[in-house]
Every structure is written in C-alpha cells, then in structure tokens.
Amino acid sequence: MKSNCERSLIPQRLPIIGNLRDIDPEIPIESLGNLADQYGPIYKFSIFGNTTVCIASAEYMAEVSDEKRFSKVVARGLAEVRNGLNDGDSTSL
C-alpha cells in the first residue's frame, strides 16, 4: 500500500440536511457504493450534522484496522457489556 493516501473527496452538502438526498432509502447500501464510485474509496458525508467517514476499500479498511499501528478505544460501558457476554463480534477487544 502507498504510504500516502489519495485525497478523499467530499460530496456537495446542503444546509441542514447535508447529503441526505444522496442516499436512496430504497437502496441505502448501493447509494453508499455509488458515492464511493464517484468520490473514491475514502469519503465523508454528513446528514443532519452527523458526519461519517466511509471506507469503501478492503485494502484501506485493513490498513486502518491494523491494531499494531492504531489503538482501539473501548468505552467503559461496552467493556462492561463484554464482561457479561464474553467475546463477540460487537464487543471483542
């Protein structure tokens, strides 16, 4: 993988609703894929002030998930849930 990431693009946003019109409620996952096709493998969008960064590439996702290079912070509440449920997909460390 390249050491420097290609510049991410940000879809045009409207005031207040942000990118809401870019997401088709009938096919939301496909809509996110369409945004990735248009803006690249890493992009961010905003809906009602909530900004989300999307990583639409397995290669980049593996890079940011590399626990040798990045640490994972588990909120105390989630850590307590993990104690009760043992390891699971949503609570594993």
Protein backbone atom coordinates (compact mmCIF):
# COMPACT_ATOMS: atom_id res chain seq x y z
CA MET A 1 0.00 0.00 0.00
CA LYS A 2 1.17 3.53 -0.66
CA SER A 3 2.37 5.40 2.39
CA ASN A 4 0.34 8.46 1.43
CA CYS A 5 -3.38 8.10 0.80
CA GLU A 6 -5.04 9.62 -2.20
CA ARG A 7 -7.02 12.71 -1.32
CA SER A 8 -10.59 11.95 -0.31
CA LEU A 9 -13.40 13.88 -1.88
CA ILE A 10 -16.43 15.22 -0.09
CA PRO A 11 -19.83 15.24 -1.81
CA GLN A 12 -21.55 18.62 -2.06
CA ARG A 13 -23.71 19.20 1.03
CA LEU A 14 -26.91 21.14 1.50
CA PRO A 15 -27.50 23.23 4.62
CA ILE A 16 -29.07 21.26 7.50
CA ILE A 17 -29.84 18.02 5.58
CA GLY A 18 -26.29 17.62 4.30
CA ASN A 19 -26.06 14.63 1.96
CA LEU A 20 -29.47 13.17 2.77
CA ARG A 21 -30.58 13.41 -0.87
CA ASP A 22 -27.54 11.33 -1.94
CA ILE A 23 -28.85 8.28 -0.04
CA ASP A 24 -31.78 6.46 -1.65
CA PRO A 25 -33.87 4.95 1.20
CA GLU A 26 -34.84 2.04 -1.09
CA ILE A 27 -31.18 1.05 -1.66
CA PRO A 28 -29.02 2.75 1.01
CA ILE A 29 -26.01 0.40 0.73
CA GLU A 30 -25.95 0.72 -3.04
CA SER A 31 -26.18 4.51 -2.63
CA LEU A 32 -23.05 4.47 -0.45
CA GLY A 33 -21.34 2.35 -3.12
CA ASN A 34 -22.33 4.89 -5.76
CA LEU A 35 -20.78 7.66 -3.66
CA ALA A 36 -17.58 5.60 -3.42
CA ASP A 37 -17.57 5.15 -7.21
CA GLN A 38 -17.91 8.90 -7.63
CA TYR A 39 -15.68 10.21 -4.81
CA GLY A 40 -13.16 7.45 -4.20
CA PRO A 41 -12.51 4.73 -1.61
CA ILE A 42 -12.46 7.14 1.35
CA TYR A 43 -15.03 9.88 1.59
CA LYS A 44 -17.13 11.58 4.21
CA PHE A 45 -20.70 12.71 4.20
CA SER A 46 -22.98 14.46 6.62
CA ILE A 47 -26.68 14.07 7.43
CA PHE A 48 -28.33 16.47 9.88
CA GLY A 49 -24.94 17.49 11.25
CA ASN A 50 -23.69 13.93 11.85
CA THR A 51 -20.54 13.42 9.81
CA THR A 52 -19.46 9.91 8.83
CA VAL A 53 -16.25 8.77 7.16
CA CYS A 54 -16.78 5.86 4.77
CA ILE A 55 -14.03 3.46 3.80
CA ALA A 56 -15.18 1.56 0.73
CA SER A 57 -11.98 -0.39 0.08
CA ALA A 58 -10.93 -3.64 1.71
CA GLU A 59 -7.29 -2.58 1.35
CA TYR A 60 -7.81 0.72 3.19
CA MET A 61 -10.04 -0.93 5.78
CA ALA A 62 -7.31 -3.46 6.55
CA GLU A 63 -4.86 -0.59 6.89
CA VAL A 64 -6.93 1.37 9.41
CA SER A 65 -7.84 -1.83 11.29
CA ASP A 66 -4.19 -2.76 11.84
CA GLU A 67 -4.04 -2.92 15.64
CA LYS A 68 -0.23 -2.87 15.55
CA ARG A 69 -0.38 0.69 14.20
CA PHE A 70 -3.62 2.03 15.67
CA SER A 71 -5.16 1.54 19.09
CA LYS A 72 -8.79 0.72 19.73
CA VAL A 73 -10.60 2.57 22.48
CA VAL A 74 -13.45 0.66 24.07
CA ALA A 75 -15.85 2.79 26.09
CA ARG A 76 -16.34 1.69 29.68
CA GLY A 77 -19.99 0.75 29.09
CA LEU A 78 -19.06 -1.52 26.20
CA ALA A 79 -16.28 -3.08 28.26
CA GLU A 80 -18.86 -3.89 30.95
CA VAL A 81 -21.17 -5.45 28.34
CA ARG A 82 -18.25 -7.56 27.15
CA ASN A 83 -17.71 -8.86 30.68
CA GLY A 84 -21.28 -10.13 30.75
CA LEU A 85 -21.43 -11.54 27.21
CA ASN A 86 -17.85 -12.79 26.74
CA ASP A 87 -16.20 -12.17 23.39
CA GLY A 88 -18.47 -11.41 20.48
CA ASP A 89 -18.38 -9.52 17.22
CA SER A 90 -19.52 -6.23 18.68
CA THR A 91 -17.65 -6.42 21.97
CA SER A 92 -14.35 -8.19 21.26
CA LEU A 93 -11.13 -6.37 22.05
